[in-house]
N, C-alpha and C. Protein backbone atom coordinates (compact mmCIF):
# COMPACT_ATOMS: atom_id res chain seq x y z
N MET A 1 65.55 108.06 116.86
CA MET A 1 67.13 107.24 115.79
C MET A 1 67.15 107.88 114.30
N TYR A 2 65.77 107.17 113.75
CA TYR A 2 66.09 106.97 112.61
C TYR A 2 66.30 108.44 111.79
N GLU A 3 64.79 109.04 112.80
CA GLU A 3 64.43 109.98 111.86
C GLU A 3 65.61 111.47 112.03
N ALA A 4 66.44 110.94 112.99
CA ALA A 4 67.68 111.63 113.12
C ALA A 4 68.33 111.53 111.98
N ILE A 5 68.64 110.52 111.44
CA ILE A 5 69.41 110.10 109.88
C ILE A 5 68.88 110.62 108.86
N LEU A 6 67.89 110.32 108.53
CA LEU A 6 66.58 110.85 107.83
C LEU A 6 67.01 112.10 108.14
N THR A 7 66.87 113.33 108.51
CA THR A 7 67.09 114.33 108.97
C THR A 7 68.72 115.12 108.28
N TYR A 8 69.48 114.73 108.68
CA TYR A 8 70.67 114.32 108.22
C TYR A 8 70.92 114.64 107.40
N PHE A 9 70.38 113.60 106.07
CA PHE A 9 70.27 113.39 104.81
C PHE A 9 70.03 114.28 103.85
N ARG A 10 68.20 114.69 104.54
CA ARG A 10 67.60 115.55 103.69
C ARG A 10 68.36 116.41 103.71
N GLN A 11 68.62 117.70 104.87
CA GLN A 11 70.18 118.19 105.14
C GLN A 11 71.32 118.52 104.66
N ASP A 12 71.91 117.85 104.98
CA ASP A 12 73.07 117.86 104.45
C ASP A 12 73.60 116.95 103.51
N SER A 13 72.95 116.19 102.42
CA SER A 13 72.99 115.66 101.04
C SER A 13 74.18 116.03 100.12
N ARG A 14 73.99 117.33 99.84
CA ARG A 14 75.64 117.54 99.31
C ARG A 14 76.68 117.47 100.17
N ASP A 15 76.40 118.07 101.23
CA ASP A 15 78.13 117.75 101.41
C ASP A 15 78.42 116.58 102.23
N TYR A 16 77.10 115.43 102.75
CA TYR A 16 77.42 114.24 102.18
C TYR A 16 78.06 113.73 101.32
N ALA A 17 77.74 113.89 100.04
CA ALA A 17 77.79 113.11 98.54
C ALA A 17 79.42 113.92 98.10
N MET A 18 79.94 115.30 98.63
CA MET A 18 80.82 116.14 98.67
C MET A 18 81.71 114.58 99.37
N LEU A 19 81.90 114.93 100.13
CA LEU A 19 82.85 113.95 101.30
C LEU A 19 83.39 112.47 101.05
N VAL A 20 82.15 111.68 100.63
CA VAL A 20 81.90 110.08 100.19
C VAL A 20 82.66 110.50 98.55
N LEU A 21 83.13 111.19 97.99
CA LEU A 21 83.66 111.65 96.72
C LEU A 21 85.10 111.47 97.20
N GLN A 22 85.75 112.58 97.77
CA GLN A 22 86.93 112.96 98.07
C GLN A 22 86.36 112.08 98.54
N HIS A 23 86.41 111.25 99.85
CA HIS A 23 86.93 110.04 100.22
C HIS A 23 87.31 109.04 99.05
N LEU A 24 86.63 108.25 98.09
CA LEU A 24 87.26 107.71 97.01
C LEU A 24 88.41 107.82 96.36
N ARG A 25 87.98 109.16 96.02
CA ARG A 25 89.28 109.65 95.27
C ARG A 25 90.73 109.35 95.87
N VAL A 26 90.03 110.33 97.15
CA VAL A 26 91.75 109.81 98.06
C VAL A 26 92.28 108.60 98.35
N SER A 27 90.82 107.45 98.29
CA SER A 27 91.17 106.67 98.61
C SER A 27 92.19 105.75 97.16
N GLY A 28 91.19 106.19 96.02
CA GLY A 28 91.23 105.16 95.09
C GLY A 28 93.10 106.29 94.70
N PHE A 29 93.21 107.05 95.12
CA PHE A 29 94.76 107.59 94.19
C PHE A 29 95.82 106.53 95.22
N SER A 30 95.47 106.45 96.73
CA SER A 30 96.01 105.91 97.18
C SER A 30 96.25 104.17 96.68
N VAL A 31 95.52 103.04 97.02
CA VAL A 31 95.38 102.01 95.50
C VAL A 31 96.48 102.28 94.47
N LEU A 32 95.70 103.31 93.48
CA LEU A 32 96.97 103.67 92.43
C LEU A 32 98.62 103.49 92.89
N VAL A 33 98.57 104.60 94.46
CA VAL A 33 100.22 104.59 94.05
C VAL A 33 100.81 103.53 94.92
N ALA A 34 99.92 102.23 95.77
CA ALA A 34 100.13 101.47 96.05
C ALA A 34 100.48 100.07 94.81
N LEU A 35 100.29 100.32 93.77
CA LEU A 35 100.05 99.62 92.89
C LEU A 35 101.20 99.43 91.63
N ALA A 36 101.84 101.13 91.89
CA ALA A 36 102.59 101.77 89.95
C ALA A 36 104.03 101.08 91.26
N ILE A 37 104.11 101.12 92.52
CA ILE A 37 105.05 100.87 93.64
C ILE A 37 105.58 99.12 93.04
N GLY A 38 104.01 99.04 94.13
CA GLY A 38 104.08 97.44 94.11
C GLY A 38 104.23 96.02 93.64
N LEU A 39 103.61 96.66 92.79
CA LEU A 39 103.69 95.74 91.55
C LEU A 39 105.13 95.58 90.75
N PRO A 40 105.38 96.05 90.53
CA PRO A 40 106.37 96.11 89.41
C PRO A 40 107.68 95.37 90.17
N LEU A 41 107.74 96.19 91.74
CA LEU A 41 108.82 95.54 92.31
C LEU A 41 108.72 94.09 93.23
N GLY A 42 107.13 93.11 92.93
CA GLY A 42 106.66 92.42 93.05
C GLY A 42 107.17 91.09 92.69
N ILE A 43 107.00 91.98 90.74
CA ILE A 43 107.77 91.60 89.91
C ILE A 43 109.02 91.05 89.75
N TYR A 44 109.29 92.47 89.70
CA TYR A 44 111.50 92.30 89.45
C TYR A 44 112.07 91.38 90.79
N SER A 45 111.12 91.54 91.72
CA SER A 45 111.80 90.72 92.80
C SER A 45 111.36 89.18 92.90
N SER A 46 110.22 88.61 92.09
CA SER A 46 109.89 87.14 92.23
C SER A 46 110.82 86.73 91.14
N PHE A 47 111.32 87.25 90.37
CA PHE A 47 112.60 86.87 89.91
C PHE A 47 114.92 87.48 90.08
N HIS A 48 114.39 88.27 91.27
CA HIS A 48 115.83 87.91 92.29
C HIS A 48 115.59 87.57 93.58
N GLU A 49 116.72 86.56 93.99
CA GLU A 49 116.16 85.69 95.31
C GLU A 49 116.66 86.83 96.51
N LYS A 50 118.16 87.73 96.67
CA LYS A 50 117.40 88.26 97.13
C LYS A 50 117.04 89.44 97.57
N LEU A 51 116.62 89.77 96.21
CA LEU A 51 115.84 90.44 97.12
C LEU A 51 114.00 90.65 97.07
N TYR A 52 113.68 89.10 97.25
CA TYR A 52 112.89 88.12 97.75
C TYR A 52 112.84 88.59 98.79
N ASN A 53 113.89 88.06 99.05
CA ASN A 53 113.56 87.90 100.71
C ASN A 53 114.51 89.20 101.15
N PHE A 54 114.69 89.61 100.34
CA PHE A 54 114.84 91.54 101.42
C PHE A 54 113.83 91.54 101.88
N PHE A 55 112.89 92.10 101.00
CA PHE A 55 111.36 93.05 100.51
C PHE A 55 110.09 91.47 101.53
N SER A 56 110.23 90.41 101.88
CA SER A 56 109.78 89.14 102.26
C SER A 56 110.25 89.75 103.93
N GLY A 57 111.04 89.50 104.59
CA GLY A 57 112.02 90.11 105.78
C GLY A 57 111.76 91.28 106.15
N PHE A 58 111.20 92.45 105.32
CA PHE A 58 111.36 93.84 106.18
C PHE A 58 110.03 93.46 106.22
N PHE A 59 108.68 93.49 104.78
CA PHE A 59 107.14 94.01 105.29
C PHE A 59 106.70 92.16 106.09
N GLY A 60 107.35 91.51 106.59
CA GLY A 60 107.20 90.94 108.03
C GLY A 60 107.20 91.98 109.22
N ILE A 61 108.47 92.23 108.84
CA ILE A 61 108.40 92.23 109.72
C ILE A 61 107.69 93.90 110.26
N LEU A 62 107.16 94.79 109.27
CA LEU A 62 106.30 95.75 108.90
C LEU A 62 104.99 95.13 110.04
N SER A 63 104.56 93.85 109.31
CA SER A 63 103.46 93.17 109.42
C SER A 63 103.03 93.00 111.42
N VAL A 64 104.21 93.24 111.86
CA VAL A 64 104.12 92.60 112.98
C VAL A 64 103.01 94.42 113.46
N ILE A 65 104.06 95.54 113.81
CA ILE A 65 103.17 96.43 113.94
C ILE A 65 101.55 96.53 113.77
N PRO A 66 100.82 96.79 115.09
CA PRO A 66 99.43 96.75 114.52
C PRO A 66 98.58 98.21 113.29
N SER A 67 98.23 97.97 112.73
CA SER A 67 97.36 98.58 112.30
C SER A 67 97.37 100.66 112.65
N LEU A 68 97.12 100.19 113.95
CA LEU A 68 95.80 101.89 114.29
C LEU A 68 97.57 102.39 115.11
N ALA A 69 99.40 101.70 115.51
CA ALA A 69 100.29 102.25 115.69
C ALA A 69 100.70 102.97 114.24
N VAL A 70 100.28 102.48 112.82
CA VAL A 70 101.03 103.03 112.10
C VAL A 70 100.31 103.79 111.60
N LEU A 71 98.51 104.23 111.99
CA LEU A 71 98.16 105.33 111.13
C LEU A 71 98.82 106.64 112.45
N PHE A 72 98.55 105.97 113.69
CA PHE A 72 99.24 107.94 114.02
C PHE A 72 100.62 108.14 114.28
N ILE A 73 101.59 107.42 113.41
CA ILE A 73 102.44 107.81 113.29
C ILE A 73 102.20 108.51 111.85
N CYS A 74 101.17 107.48 110.76
CA CYS A 74 101.19 108.77 109.74
C CYS A 74 100.99 109.91 110.14
N ILE A 75 100.03 109.98 110.45
CA ILE A 75 98.79 111.07 110.46
C ILE A 75 100.31 113.32 110.74
N PRO A 76 100.64 113.01 110.70
CA PRO A 76 101.53 113.67 111.98
C PRO A 76 101.78 113.98 110.41
N ILE A 77 102.50 113.19 109.87
CA ILE A 77 103.68 113.68 108.85
C ILE A 77 102.78 113.94 107.21
N PHE A 78 101.76 113.02 107.12
CA PHE A 78 101.03 112.96 105.78
C PHE A 78 99.90 114.03 106.15
N GLY A 79 99.47 114.13 107.29
CA GLY A 79 98.17 115.06 107.28
C GLY A 79 96.82 114.14 107.33
N VAL A 80 96.26 115.12 107.32
CA VAL A 80 94.46 114.20 107.49
C VAL A 80 94.25 114.56 106.72
N GLY A 81 93.24 114.21 105.51
CA GLY A 81 91.83 114.34 104.51
C GLY A 81 93.11 115.29 103.01
N VAL A 82 92.04 116.06 103.02
CA VAL A 82 92.80 116.82 101.63
C VAL A 82 92.32 118.10 102.22
N VAL A 83 93.24 118.92 101.73
CA VAL A 83 93.16 120.52 101.97
C VAL A 83 93.78 121.81 101.00
């Protein structure tokens, strides 16, 4: 098994590196978008109790939905990977 892994990396190292970089770009972009939206809303809602109560209740309900179910819902909407 180790030989097969080493052979794969020897033959397809460029493809593997390209896919890793693509994954890092997509993941980094999603983190930046989440920060750009979530941080200002979090700071703003910390000063407004009604908004805080709404967000904490709304996202409390969303946390009940399992992550895998959210993934299956998001795939048809957002697609998979970079096209």
